[in-house]
């Protein structure tokens, strides 16, 4: 319960400050990311397709680590991978929010919300 109280307090403090919409969106993304982790990790651990892709990714990483790249080449690859990770985080956070919004809209369309 304490984690929920902390999250609610963080959201309240952001909303009551003179923040920009972007700052509120970024804070909401972080909160949503925290909420989705348990559910998503459970689903991914049971997804055979994801597990196979993850194994292939790990094998590719091992191959990359064992390869003879120059420092310049390794820097380029590391930067590329870091930017990809950042864009994927943003994509997943937005997809999760879209799912929540769509779920709410579906419930509202069927009259299942308390409005």
PDB file of N, CA and C in Angstrom:
ATOM      1  N   UNK A   1       0.822  -1.195   0.000  1.00  0.00           N
ATOM      2  CA  UNK A   1       0.000   0.000   0.000  1.00  0.00           C
ATOM      3  C   UNK A   1       0.863   1.255   0.000  1.00  0.00           C
ATOM      4  N   UNK A   2       2.023   1.176   0.631  1.00  0.00           N
ATOM      5  CA  UNK A   2       2.897   2.341   0.725  1.00  0.00           C
ATOM      6  C   UNK A   2       3.369   2.778  -0.664  1.00  0.00           C
ATOM      7  N   UNK A   3       3.657   1.819  -1.562  1.00  0.00           N
ATOM      8  CA  UNK A   3       4.105   2.146  -2.919  1.00  0.00           C
ATOM      9  C   UNK A   3       3.001   2.892  -3.663  1.00  0.00           C
ATOM     10  N   UNK A   4       1.739   2.468  -3.491  1.00  0.00           N
ATOM     11  CA  UNK A   4       0.615   3.141  -4.138  1.00  0.00           C
ATOM     12  C   UNK A   4       0.473   4.564  -3.610  1.00  0.00           C
ATOM     13  N   UNK A   5       0.624   4.720  -2.300  1.00  0.00           N
ATOM     14  CA  UNK A   5       0.533   6.050  -1.702  1.00  0.00           C
ATOM     15  C   UNK A   5       1.638   6.958  -2.232  1.00  0.00           C
ATOM     16  N   UNK A   6       2.834   6.396  -2.366  1.00  0.00           N
ATOM     17  CA  UNK A   6       3.967   7.172  -2.876  1.00  0.00           C
ATOM     18  C   UNK A   6       3.712   7.582  -4.322  1.00  0.00           C
ATOM     19  N   UNK A   7       3.215   6.651  -5.143  1.00  0.00           N
ATOM     20  CA  UNK A   7       2.918   6.957  -6.544  1.00  0.00           C
ATOM     21  C   UNK A   7       1.838   8.029  -6.637  1.00  0.00           C
ATOM     22  N   UNK A   8       0.792   7.900  -5.848  1.00  0.00           N
ATOM     23  CA  UNK A   8      -0.284   8.896  -5.852  1.00  0.00           C
ATOM     24  C   UNK A   8       0.253  10.259  -5.429  1.00  0.00           C
ATOM     25  N   UNK A   9       1.096  10.287  -4.417  1.00  0.00           N
ATOM     26  CA  UNK A   9       1.668  11.552  -3.949  1.00  0.00           C
ATOM     27  C   UNK A   9       2.552  12.177  -5.015  1.00  0.00           C
ATOM     28  N   UNK A  10       3.348  11.348  -5.709  1.00  0.00           N
ATOM     29  CA  UNK A  10       4.204  11.863  -6.779  1.00  0.00           C
ATOM     30  C   UNK A  10       3.354  12.473  -7.894  1.00  0.00           C
ATOM     31  N   UNK A  11       2.292  11.768  -8.287  1.00  0.00           N
ATOM     32  CA  UNK A  11       1.415  12.294  -9.333  1.00  0.00           C
ATOM     33  C   UNK A  11       0.755  13.594  -8.887  1.00  0.00           C
ATOM     34  N   UNK A  12       0.270  13.634  -7.648  1.00  0.00           N
ATOM     35  CA  UNK A  12      -0.368  14.830  -7.132  1.00  0.00           C
ATOM     36  C   UNK A  12       0.602  16.003  -7.106  1.00  0.00           C
ATOM     37  N   UNK A  13       1.834  15.762  -6.678  1.00  0.00           N
ATOM     38  CA  UNK A  13       2.809  16.855  -6.607  1.00  0.00           C
ATOM     39  C   UNK A  13       3.142  17.392  -7.995  1.00  0.00           C
ATOM     40  N   UNK A  14       3.185  16.495  -8.980  1.00  0.00           N
ATOM     41  CA  UNK A  14       3.472  16.944 -10.347  1.00  0.00           C
ATOM     42  C   UNK A  14       2.315  17.769 -10.900  1.00  0.00           C
ATOM     43  N   UNK A  15       1.090  17.294 -10.669  1.00  0.00           N
ATOM     44  CA  UNK A  15      -0.093  17.977 -11.202  1.00  0.00           C
ATOM     45  C   UNK A  15      -0.269  19.349 -10.563  1.00  0.00           C
ATOM     46  N   UNK A  16       0.039  19.493  -9.280  1.00  0.00           N
ATOM     47  CA  UNK A  16      -0.183  20.761  -8.595  1.00  0.00           C
ATOM     48  C   UNK A  16       0.947  21.760  -8.802  1.00  0.00           C
ATOM     49  N   UNK A  17       2.078  21.313  -9.331  1.00  0.00           N
ATOM     50  CA  UNK A  17       3.159  22.242  -9.650  1.00  0.00           C
ATOM     51  C   UNK A  17       2.852  22.904 -10.987  1.00  0.00           C
ATOM     52  N   UNK A  18       3.582  23.971 -11.253  1.00  0.00           N
ATOM     53  CA  UNK A  18       3.417  24.597 -12.567  1.00  0.00           C
ATOM     54  C   UNK A  18       4.315  23.859 -13.556  1.00  0.00           C
ATOM     55  N   UNK A  19       3.873  22.660 -13.930  1.00  0.00           N
ATOM     56  CA  UNK A  19       4.636  21.807 -14.828  1.00  0.00           C
ATOM     57  C   UNK A  19       4.059  21.876 -16.232  1.00  0.00           C
ATOM     58  N   UNK A  20       4.871  21.478 -17.160  1.00  0.00           N
ATOM     59  CA  UNK A  20       4.388  21.411 -18.535  1.00  0.00           C
ATOM     60  C   UNK A  20       3.695  20.079 -18.756  1.00  0.00           C
ATOM     61  N   UNK A  21       2.918  20.004 -19.791  1.00  0.00           N
ATOM     62  CA  UNK A  21       2.240  18.769 -20.156  1.00  0.00           C
ATOM     63  C   UNK A  21       3.283  17.680 -20.416  1.00  0.00           C
ATOM     64  N   UNK A  22       4.389  18.033 -21.033  1.00  0.00           N
ATOM     65  CA  UNK A  22       5.439  17.048 -21.319  1.00  0.00           C
ATOM     66  C   UNK A  22       6.020  16.468 -20.026  1.00  0.00           C
ATOM     67  N   UNK A  23       6.238  17.305 -19.019  1.00  0.00           N
ATOM     68  CA  UNK A  23       6.750  16.805 -17.738  1.00  0.00           C
ATOM     69  C   UNK A  23       5.757  15.845 -17.091  1.00  0.00           C
ATOM     70  N   UNK A  24       4.477  16.188 -17.156  1.00  0.00           N
ATOM     71  CA  UNK A  24       3.442  15.313 -16.602  1.00  0.00           C
ATOM     72  C   UNK A  24       3.416  13.996 -17.368  1.00  0.00           C
ATOM     73  N   UNK A  25       3.519  14.071 -18.684  1.00  0.00           N
ATOM     74  CA  UNK A  25       3.521  12.863 -19.511  1.00  0.00           C
ATOM     75  C   UNK A  25       4.726  11.989 -19.180  1.00  0.00           C
ATOM     76  N   UNK A  26       5.883  12.583 -18.996  1.00  0.00           N
ATOM     77  CA  UNK A  26       7.083  11.814 -18.667  1.00  0.00           C
ATOM     78  C   UNK A  26       6.944  11.135 -17.307  1.00  0.00           C
ATOM     79  N   UNK A  27       6.401  11.852 -16.325  1.00  0.00           N
ATOM     80  CA  UNK A  27       6.194  11.259 -15.002  1.00  0.00           C
ATOM     81  C   UNK A  27       5.182  10.127 -15.086  1.00  0.00           C
ATOM     82  N   UNK A  28       4.118  10.329 -15.838  1.00  0.00           N
ATOM     83  CA  UNK A  28       3.107   9.293 -16.019  1.00  0.00           C
ATOM     84  C   UNK A  28       3.714   8.067 -16.692  1.00  0.00           C
ATOM     85  N   UNK A  29       4.589   8.276 -17.668  1.00  0.00           N
ATOM     86  CA  UNK A  29       5.259   7.162 -18.333  1.00  0.00           C
ATOM     87  C   UNK A  29       6.065   6.341 -17.339  1.00  0.00           C
ATOM     88  N   UNK A  30       6.791   7.025 -16.469  1.00  0.00           N
ATOM     89  CA  UNK A  30       7.597   6.310 -15.470  1.00  0.00           C
ATOM     90  C   UNK A  30       6.708   5.514 -14.518  1.00  0.00           C
ATOM     91  N   UNK A  31       5.596   6.110 -14.100  1.00  0.00           N
ATOM     92  CA  UNK A  31       4.667   5.403 -13.216  1.00  0.00           C
ATOM     93  C   UNK A  31       4.054   4.197 -13.919  1.00  0.00           C
ATOM     94  N   UNK A  32       3.633   4.380 -15.165  1.00  0.00           N
ATOM     95  CA  UNK A  32       3.043   3.283 -15.931  1.00  0.00           C
ATOM     96  C   UNK A  32       4.074   2.181 -16.162  1.00  0.00           C
ATOM     97  N   UNK A  33       5.315   2.559 -16.415  1.00  0.00           N
ATOM     98  CA  UNK A  33       6.361   1.569 -16.618  1.00  0.00           C
ATOM     99  C   UNK A  33       6.527   0.719 -15.370  1.00  0.00           C
ATOM    100  N   UNK A  34       6.481   1.368 -14.224  1.00  0.00           N
ATOM    101  CA  UNK A  34       6.598   0.652 -12.957  1.00  0.00           C
ATOM    102  C   UNK A  34       5.412  -0.299 -12.767  1.00  0.00           C
ATOM    103  N   UNK A  35       4.212   0.140 -13.090  1.00  0.00           N
ATOM    104  CA  UNK A  35       3.015  -0.687 -12.934  1.00  0.00           C
ATOM    105  C   UNK A  35       3.010  -1.899 -13.864  1.00  0.00           C
ATOM    106  N   UNK A  36       3.458  -1.701 -15.090  1.00  0.00           N
ATOM    107  CA  UNK A  36       3.372  -2.762 -16.085  1.00  0.00           C
ATOM    108  C   UNK A  36       4.425  -3.842 -15.916  1.00  0.00           C
ATOM    109  N   UNK A  37       5.515  -3.549 -15.219  1.00  0.00           N
ATOM    110  CA  UNK A  37       6.630  -4.496 -15.170  1.00  0.00           C
ATOM    111  C   UNK A  37       6.228  -5.893 -14.716  1.00  0.00           C
ATOM    112  N   UNK A  38       5.482  -6.017 -13.627  1.00  0.00           N
ATOM    113  CA  UNK A  38       5.110  -7.351 -13.139  1.00  0.00           C
ATOM    114  C   UNK A  38       4.257  -8.098 -14.151  1.00  0.00           C
ATOM    115  N   UNK A  39       3.237  -7.447 -14.652  1.00  0.00           N
ATOM    116  CA  UNK A  39       2.338  -8.097 -15.609  1.00  0.00           C
ATOM    117  C   UNK A  39       3.084  -8.475 -16.882  1.00  0.00           C
ATOM    118  N   UNK A  40       3.847  -7.534 -17.402  1.00  0.00           N
ATOM    119  CA  UNK A  40       4.564  -7.785 -18.649  1.00  0.00           C
ATOM    120  C   UNK A  40       5.591  -8.895 -18.479  1.00  0.00           C
ATOM    121  N   UNK A  41       6.350  -8.867 -17.382  1.00  0.00           N
ATOM    122  CA  UNK A  41       7.361  -9.903 -17.169  1.00  0.00           C
ATOM    123  C   UNK A  41       6.731 -11.287 -17.056  1.00  0.00           C
ATOM    124  N   UNK A  42       5.568 -11.371 -16.423  1.00  0.00           N
ATOM    125  CA  UNK A  42       4.867 -12.650 -16.326  1.00  0.00           C
ATOM    126  C   UNK A  42       4.460 -13.138 -17.714  1.00  0.00           C
ATOM    127  N   UNK A  43       3.895 -12.250 -18.510  1.00  0.00           N
ATOM    128  CA  UNK A  43       3.482 -12.631 -19.869  1.00  0.00           C
ATOM    129  C   UNK A  43       4.673 -13.041 -20.721  1.00  0.00           C
ATOM    130  N   UNK A  44       5.758 -12.272 -20.650  1.00  0.00           N
ATOM    131  CA  UNK A  44       6.940 -12.565 -21.467  1.00  0.00           C
ATOM    132  C   UNK A  44       7.600 -13.883 -21.063  1.00  0.00           C
ATOM    133  N   UNK A  45       7.594 -14.175 -19.772  1.00  0.00           N
ATOM    134  CA  UNK A  45       8.220 -15.426 -19.321  1.00  0.00           C
ATOM    135  C   UNK A  45       7.471 -16.651 -19.850  1.00  0.00           C
ATOM    136  N   UNK A  46       6.202 -16.470 -20.188  1.00  0.00           N
ATOM    137  CA  UNK A  46       5.385 -17.576 -20.684  1.00  0.00           C
ATOM    138  C   UNK A  46       5.246 -17.576 -22.205  1.00  0.00           C
ATOM    139  N   UNK A  47       5.860 -16.621 -22.872  1.00  0.00           N
ATOM    140  CA  UNK A  47       5.732 -16.480 -24.320  1.00  0.00           C
ATOM    141  C   UNK A  47       6.922 -17.161 -25.013  1.00  0.00           C
ATOM    142  N   UNK A  48       6.657 -18.298 -25.653  1.00  0.00           N
ATOM    143  CA  UNK A  48       7.723 -19.074 -26.295  1.00  0.00           C
ATOM    144  C   UNK A  48       8.410 -18.289 -27.414  1.00  0.00           C
ATOM    145  N   UNK A  49       7.644 -17.550 -28.189  1.00  0.00           N
ATOM    146  CA  UNK A  49       8.222 -16.756 -29.277  1.00  0.00           C
ATOM    147  C   UNK A  49       9.174 -15.693 -28.756  1.00  0.00           C
ATOM    148  N   UNK A  50       8.758 -15.022 -27.701  1.00  0.00           N
ATOM    149  CA  UNK A  50       9.620 -14.000 -27.098  1.00  0.00           C
ATOM    150  C   UNK A  50      10.875 -14.631 -26.518  1.00  0.00           C
ATOM    151  N   UNK A  51      10.724 -15.759 -25.829  1.00  0.00           N
ATOM    152  CA  UNK A  51      11.871 -16.426 -25.218  1.00  0.00           C
ATOM    153  C   UNK A  51      12.877 -16.868 -26.286  1.00  0.00           C
ATOM    154  N   UNK A  52      12.394 -17.349 -27.428  1.00  0.00           N
ATOM    155  CA  UNK A  52      13.292 -17.753 -28.519  1.00  0.00           C
ATOM    156  C   UNK A  52      14.034 -16.532 -29.074  1.00  0.00           C
ATOM    157  N   UNK A  53      13.308 -15.426 -29.262  1.00  0.00           N
ATOM    158  CA  UNK A  53      13.943 -14.199 -29.770  1.00  0.00           C
ATOM    159  C   UNK A  53      14.960 -13.669 -28.769  1.00  0.00           C
ATOM    160  N   UNK A  54      14.649 -13.751 -27.481  1.00  0.00           N
ATOM    161  CA  UNK A  54      15.564 -13.292 -26.442  1.00  0.00           C
ATOM    162  C   UNK A  54      16.838 -14.129 -26.429  1.00  0.00           C
ATOM    163  N   UNK A  55      16.705 -15.432 -26.598  1.00  0.00           N
ATOM    164  CA  UNK A  55      17.872 -16.306 -26.661  1.00  0.00           C
ATOM    165  C   UNK A  55      18.759 -15.942 -27.860  1.00  0.00           C
ATOM    166  N   UNK A  56      18.141 -15.709 -29.000  1.00  0.00           N
ATOM    167  CA  UNK A  56      18.901 -15.310 -30.190  1.00  0.00           C
ATOM    168  C   UNK A  56      19.595 -13.970 -29.973  1.00  0.00           C
ATOM    169  N   UNK A  57      18.927 -13.048 -29.293  1.00  0.00           N
ATOM    170  CA  UNK A  57      19.525 -11.747 -28.980  1.00  0.00           C
ATOM    171  C   UNK A  57      20.747 -11.927 -28.077  1.00  0.00           C
ATOM    172  N   UNK A  58      20.611 -12.750 -27.067  1.00  0.00           N
ATOM    173  CA  UNK A  58      21.733 -12.993 -26.150  1.00  0.00           C
ATOM    174  C   UNK A  58      22.912 -13.639 -26.875  1.00  0.00           C
ATOM    175  N   UNK A  59      22.624 -14.553 -27.782  1.00  0.00           N
ATOM    176  CA  UNK A  59      23.687 -15.186 -28.562  1.00  0.00           C
ATOM    177  C   UNK A  59      24.384 -14.156 -29.453  1.00  0.00           C
ATOM    178  N   UNK A  60      23.599 -13.260 -30.044  1.00  0.00           N
ATOM    179  CA  UNK A  60      24.182 -12.208 -30.877  1.00  0.00           C
ATOM    180  C   UNK A  60      25.051 -11.276 -30.035  1.00  0.00           C
ATOM    181  N   UNK A  61      24.628 -10.987 -28.817  1.00  0.00           N
ATOM    182  CA  UNK A  61      25.429 -10.143 -27.914  1.00  0.00           C
ATOM    183  C   UNK A  61      26.754 -10.810 -27.572  1.00  0.00           C
ATOM    184  N   UNK A  62      26.707 -12.100 -27.322  1.00  0.00           N
ATOM    185  CA  UNK A  62      27.943 -12.833 -27.040  1.00  0.00           C
ATOM    186  C   UNK A  62      28.875 -12.800 -28.246  1.00  0.00           C
ATOM    187  N   UNK A  63      28.319 -12.959 -29.424  1.00  0.00           N
ATOM    188  CA  UNK A  63      29.113 -12.895 -30.657  1.00  0.00           C
ATOM    189  C   UNK A  63      29.725 -11.503 -30.822  1.00  0.00           C
ATOM    190  N   UNK A  64      28.930 -10.485 -30.538  1.00  0.00           N
ATOM    191  CA  UNK A  64      29.410  -9.099 -30.616  1.00  0.00           C
ATOM    192  C   UNK A  64      30.557  -8.872 -29.635  1.00  0.00           C
ATOM    193  N   UNK A  65      30.387  -9.330 -28.389  1.00  0.00           N
ATOM    194  CA  UNK A  65      31.425  -9.137 -27.369  1.00  0.00           C
ATOM    195  C   UNK A  65      32.719  -9.849 -27.751  1.00  0.00           C
ATOM    196  N   UNK A  66      32.604 -10.982 -28.430  1.00  0.00           N
ATOM    197  CA  UNK A  66      33.790 -11.749 -28.805  1.00  0.00           C
ATOM    198  C   UNK A  66      34.423 -11.322 -30.116  1.00  0.00           C
ATOM    199  N   UNK A  67      33.815 -10.355 -30.779  1.00  0.00           N
ATOM    200  CA  UNK A  67      34.324  -9.928 -32.089  1.00  0.00           C
ATOM    201  C   UNK A  67      35.394  -8.859 -31.944  1.00  0.00           C
ATOM    202  N   UNK A  68      36.239  -8.781 -32.972  1.00  0.00           N
ATOM    203  CA  UNK A  68      37.338  -7.812 -32.995  1.00  0.00           C
ATOM    204  C   UNK A  68      36.920  -6.541 -33.722  1.00  0.00           C
ATOM    205  N   UNK A  69      36.278  -5.645 -33.015  1.00  0.00           N
ATOM    206  CA  UNK A  69      35.925  -4.348 -33.580  1.00  0.00           C
ATOM    207  C   UNK A  69      36.929  -3.320 -33.072  1.00  0.00           C
ATOM    208  N   UNK A  70      37.150  -2.298 -33.876  1.00  0.00           N
ATOM    209  CA  UNK A  70      37.969  -1.190 -33.386  1.00  0.00           C
ATOM    210  C   UNK A  70      37.137  -0.425 -32.357  1.00  0.00           C
ATOM    211  N   UNK A  71      37.801   0.420 -31.581  1.00  0.00           N
ATOM    212  CA  UNK A  71      37.081   1.225 -30.586  1.00  0.00           C
ATOM    213  C   UNK A  71      36.031   2.091 -31.275  1.00  0.00           C
ATOM    214  N   UNK A  72      36.384   2.672 -32.398  1.00  0.00           N
ATOM    215  CA  UNK A  72      35.453   3.524 -33.142  1.00  0.00           C
ATOM    216  C   UNK A  72      34.234   2.725 -33.606  1.00  0.00           C
ATOM    217  N   UNK A  73      34.458   1.535 -34.138  1.00  0.00           N
ATOM    218  CA  UNK A  73      33.351   0.694 -34.590  1.00  0.00           C
ATOM    219  C   UNK A  73      32.469   0.284 -33.408  1.00  0.00           C
ATOM    220  N   UNK A  74      33.105  -0.091 -32.296  1.00  0.00           N
ATOM    221  CA  UNK A  74      32.351  -0.505 -31.117  1.00  0.00           C
ATOM    222  C   UNK A  74      31.529   0.659 -30.564  1.00  0.00           C
ATOM    223  N   UNK A  75      32.099   1.876 -30.583  1.00  0.00           N
ATOM    224  CA  UNK A  75      31.366   3.064 -30.121  1.00  0.00           C
ATOM    225  C   UNK A  75      30.126   3.309 -30.975  1.00  0.00           C
ATOM    226  N   UNK A  76      30.258   3.154 -32.279  1.00  0.00           N
ATOM    227  CA  UNK A  76      29.120   3.350 -33.182  1.00  0.00           C
ATOM    228  C   UNK A  76      28.032   2.321 -32.886  1.00  0.00           C
ATOM    229  N   UNK A  77      28.416   1.073 -32.749  1.00  0.00           N
ATOM    230  CA  UNK A  77      27.447   0.012 -32.480  1.00  0.00           C
ATOM    231  C   UNK A  77      26.789   0.221 -31.123  1.00  0.00           C
ATOM    232  N   UNK A  78      27.585   0.553 -30.099  1.00  0.00           N
ATOM    233  CA  UNK A  78      27.033   0.782 -28.763  1.00  0.00           C
ATOM    234  C   UNK A  78      26.053   1.951 -28.757  1.00  0.00           C
ATOM    235  N   UNK A  79      26.375   3.012 -29.481  1.00  0.00           N
ATOM    236  CA  UNK A  79      25.476   4.165 -29.586  1.00  0.00           C
ATOM    237  C   UNK A  79      24.185   3.763 -30.289  1.00  0.00           C
ATOM    238  N   UNK A  80      24.314   3.018 -31.354  1.00  0.00           N
ATOM    239  CA  UNK A  80      23.137   2.544 -32.094  1.00  0.00           C
ATOM    240  C   UNK A  80      22.224   1.711 -31.191  1.00  0.00           C
ATOM    241  N   UNK A  81      22.817   0.788 -30.444  1.00  0.00           N
ATOM    242  CA  UNK A  81      22.023  -0.057 -29.553  1.00  0.00           C
ATOM    243  C   UNK A  81      21.377   0.748 -28.423  1.00  0.00           C
ATOM    244  N   UNK A  82      22.106   1.727 -27.892  1.00  0.00           N
ATOM    245  CA  UNK A  82      21.551   2.564 -26.818  1.00  0.00           C
ATOM    246  C   UNK A  82      20.368   3.384 -27.321  1.00  0.00           C
ATOM    247  N   UNK A  83      20.487   3.970 -28.508  1.00  0.00           N
ATOM    248  CA  UNK A  83      19.381   4.755 -29.074  1.00  0.00           C
ATOM    249  C   UNK A  83      18.179   3.862 -29.357  1.00  0.00           C
ATOM    250  N   UNK A  84      18.428   2.632 -29.807  1.00  0.00           N
ATOM    251  CA  UNK A  84      17.336   1.686 -30.059  1.00  0.00           C
ATOM    252  C   UNK A  84      16.627   1.350 -28.752  1.00  0.00           C
ATOM    253  N   UNK A  85      17.405   1.094 -27.688  1.00  0.00           N
ATOM    254  CA  UNK A  85      16.804   0.806 -26.376  1.00  0.00           C
ATOM    255  C   UNK A  85      15.955   1.975 -25.899  1.00  0.00           C
ATOM    256  N   UNK A  86      16.452   3.197 -26.065  1.00  0.00           N
ATOM    257  CA  UNK A  86      15.698   4.383 -25.635  1.00  0.00           C
ATOM    258  C   UNK A  86      14.395   4.511 -26.407  1.00  0.00           C
ATOM    259  N   UNK A  87      14.463   4.316 -27.719  1.00  0.00           N
ATOM    260  CA  UNK A  87      13.240   4.445 -28.521  1.00  0.00           C
ATOM    261  C   UNK A  87      12.257   3.328 -28.198  1.00  0.00           C
ATOM    262  N   UNK A  88      12.753   2.133 -27.901  1.00  0.00           N
ATOM    263  CA  UNK A  88      11.859   1.037 -27.534  1.00  0.00           C
ATOM    264  C   UNK A  88      11.180   1.299 -26.195  1.00  0.00           C
ATOM    265  N   UNK A  89      11.908   1.897 -25.231  1.00  0.00           N
ATOM    266  CA  UNK A  89      11.288   2.250 -23.956  1.00  0.00           C
ATOM    267  C   UNK A  89      10.128   3.210 -24.192  1.00  0.00           C
ATOM    268  N   UNK A  90      10.353   4.238 -24.993  1.00  0.00           N
ATOM    269  CA  UNK A  90       9.302   5.222 -25.281  1.00  0.00           C
ATOM    270  C   UNK A  90       8.125   4.550 -25.988  1.00  0.00           C
ATOM    271  N   UNK A  91       8.419   3.663 -26.920  1.00  0.00           N
ATOM    272  CA  UNK A  91       7.365   2.965 -27.659  1.00  0.00           C
ATOM    273  C   UNK A  91       6.525   2.103 -26.715  1.00  0.00           C
ATOM    274  N   UNK A  92       7.193   1.330 -25.862  1.00  0.00           N
ATOM    275  CA  UNK A  92       6.476   0.445 -24.939  1.00  0.00           C
ATOM    276  C   UNK A  92       5.642   1.259 -23.949  1.00  0.00           C
ATOM    277  N   UNK A  93       6.214   2.339 -23.436  1.00  0.00           N
ATOM    278  CA  UNK A  93       5.470   3.173 -22.477  1.00  0.00           C
ATOM    279  C   UNK A  93       4.219   3.751 -23.129  1.00  0.00           C
ATOM    280  N   UNK A  94       4.349   4.229 -24.363  1.00  0.00           N
ATOM    281  CA  UNK A  94       3.192   4.776 -25.061  1.00  0.00           C
ATOM    282  C   UNK A  94       2.189   3.692 -25.433  1.00  0.00           C
ATOM    283  N   UNK A  95       2.672   2.521 -25.805  1.00  0.00           N
ATOM    284  CA  UNK A  95       1.767   1.414 -26.134  1.00  0.00           C
ATOM    285  C   UNK A  95       0.988   0.983 -24.895  1.00  0.00           C
ATOM    286  N   UNK A  96       1.643   0.963 -23.746  1.00  0.00           N
ATOM    287  CA  UNK A  96       0.967   0.593 -22.505  1.00  0.00           C
ATOM    288  C   UNK A  96      -0.113   1.620 -22.169  1.00  0.00           C
ATOM    289  N   UNK A  97       0.208   2.907 -22.281  1.00  0.00           N
ATOM    290  CA  UNK A  97      -0.794   3.949 -22.019  1.00  0.00           C
ATOM    291  C   UNK A  97      -1.940   3.851 -23.010  1.00  0.00           C
ATOM    292  N   UNK A  98      -1.624   3.573 -24.274  1.00  0.00           N
ATOM    293  CA  UNK A  98      -2.677   3.433 -25.282  1.00  0.00           C
ATOM    294  C   UNK A  98      -3.596   2.264 -24.930  1.00  0.00           C
ATOM    295  N   UNK A  99      -3.018   1.168 -24.453  1.00  0.00           N
ATOM    296  CA  UNK A  99      -3.817   0.017 -24.047  1.00  0.00           C
ATOM    297  C   UNK A  99      -4.742   0.350 -22.890  1.00  0.00           C
ATOM    298  N   UNK A 100      -4.218   1.097 -21.917  1.00  0.00           N
ATOM    299  CA  UNK A 100      -5.056   1.517 -20.791  1.00  0.00           C
ATOM    300  C   UNK A 100      -6.190   2.424 -21.256  1.00  0.00           C
ATOM    301  N   UNK A 101      -5.865   3.378 -22.106  1.00  0.00           N
ATOM    302  CA  UNK A 101      -6.892   4.288 -22.612  1.00  0.00           C
ATOM    303  C   UNK A 101      -7.936   3.539 -23.442  1.00  0.00           C
ATOM    304  N   UNK A 102      -7.470   2.643 -24.299  1.00  0.00           N
ATOM    305  CA  UNK A 102      -8.409   1.864 -25.116  1.00  0.00           C
ATOM    306  C   UNK A 102      -9.271   0.957 -24.247  1.00  0.00           C
ATOM    307  N   UNK A 103      -8.672   0.352 -23.218  1.00  0.00           N
ATOM    308  CA  UNK A 103      -9.441  -0.484 -22.298  1.00  0.00           C
ATOM    309  C   UNK A 103     -10.526   0.320 -21.611  1.00  0.00           C
ATOM    310  N   UNK A 104     -10.173   1.525 -21.179  1.00  0.00           N
ATOM    311  CA  UNK A 104     -11.161   2.399 -20.550  1.00  0.00           C
ATOM    312  C   UNK A 104     -12.271   2.761 -21.537  1.00  0.00           C
ATOM    313  N   UNK A 105     -11.895   3.083 -22.770  1.00  0.00           N
ATOM    314  CA  UNK A 105     -12.900   3.443 -23.782  1.00  0.00           C
ATOM    315  C   UNK A 105     -13.855   2.280 -24.054  1.00  0.00           C
ATOM    316  N   UNK A 106     -13.300   1.077 -24.093  1.00  0.00           N
ATOM    317  CA  UNK A 106     -14.143  -0.104 -24.313  1.00  0.00           C
ATOM    318  C   UNK A 106     -15.127  -0.256 -23.159  1.00  0.00           C
ATOM    319  N   UNK A 107     -14.626  -0.143 -21.928  1.00  0.00           N
ATOM    320  CA  UNK A 107     -15.509  -0.238 -20.764  1.00  0.00           C
ATOM    321  C   UNK A 107     -16.580   0.847 -20.795  1.00  0.00           C
ATOM    322  N   UNK A 108     -16.187   2.064 -21.154  1.00  0.00           N
ATOM    323  CA  UNK A 108     -17.142   3.177 -21.213  1.00  0.00           C
ATOM    324  C   UNK A 108     -18.193   2.936 -22.288  1.00  0.00           C
ATOM    325  N   UNK A 109     -17.767   2.426 -23.455  1.00  0.00           N
ATOM    326  CA  UNK A 109     -18.706   2.157 -24.532  1.00  0.00           C
ATOM    327  C   UNK A 109     -19.748   1.109 -24.159  1.00  0.00           C
ATOM    328  N   UNK A 110     -19.378   0.193 -23.287  1.00  0.00           N
ATOM    329  CA  UNK A 110     -20.327  -0.830 -22.828  1.00  0.00           C
ATOM    330  C   UNK A 110     -21.022  -0.418 -21.530  1.00  0.00           C
ATOM    331  N   UNK A 111     -20.795   0.816 -21.091  1.00  0.00           N
ATOM    332  CA  UNK A 111     -21.451   1.305 -19.901  1.00  0.00           C
ATOM    333  C   UNK A 111     -20.955   0.657 -18.616  1.00  0.00           C
ATOM    334  N   UNK A 112     -19.715   0.250 -18.588  1.00  0.00           N
ATOM    335  CA  UNK A 112     -19.171  -0.454 -17.435  1.00  0.00           C
ATOM    336  C   UNK A 112     -18.280   0.418 -16.556  1.00  0.00           C
ATOM    337  N   UNK A 113     -18.330   1.726 -16.746  1.00  0.00           N
ATOM    338  CA  UNK A 113     -17.551   2.626 -15.900  1.00  0.00           C
ATOM    339  C   UNK A 113     -18.502   3.329 -14.940  1.00  0.00           C
ATOM    340  N   UNK A 114     -17.971   3.820 -13.859  1.00  0.00           N
ATOM    341  CA  UNK A 114     -18.785   4.509 -12.857  1.00  0.00           C
ATOM    342  C   UNK A 114     -18.687   6.018 -13.072  1.00  0.00           C
ATOM    343  N   UNK A 115     -19.308   6.486 -14.098  1.00  0.00           N
ATOM    344  CA  UNK A 115     -19.295   7.933 -14.411  1.00  0.00           C
ATOM    345  C   UNK A 115     -20.637   8.529 -14.161  1.00  0.00           C
TER     346      UNK A 115
END
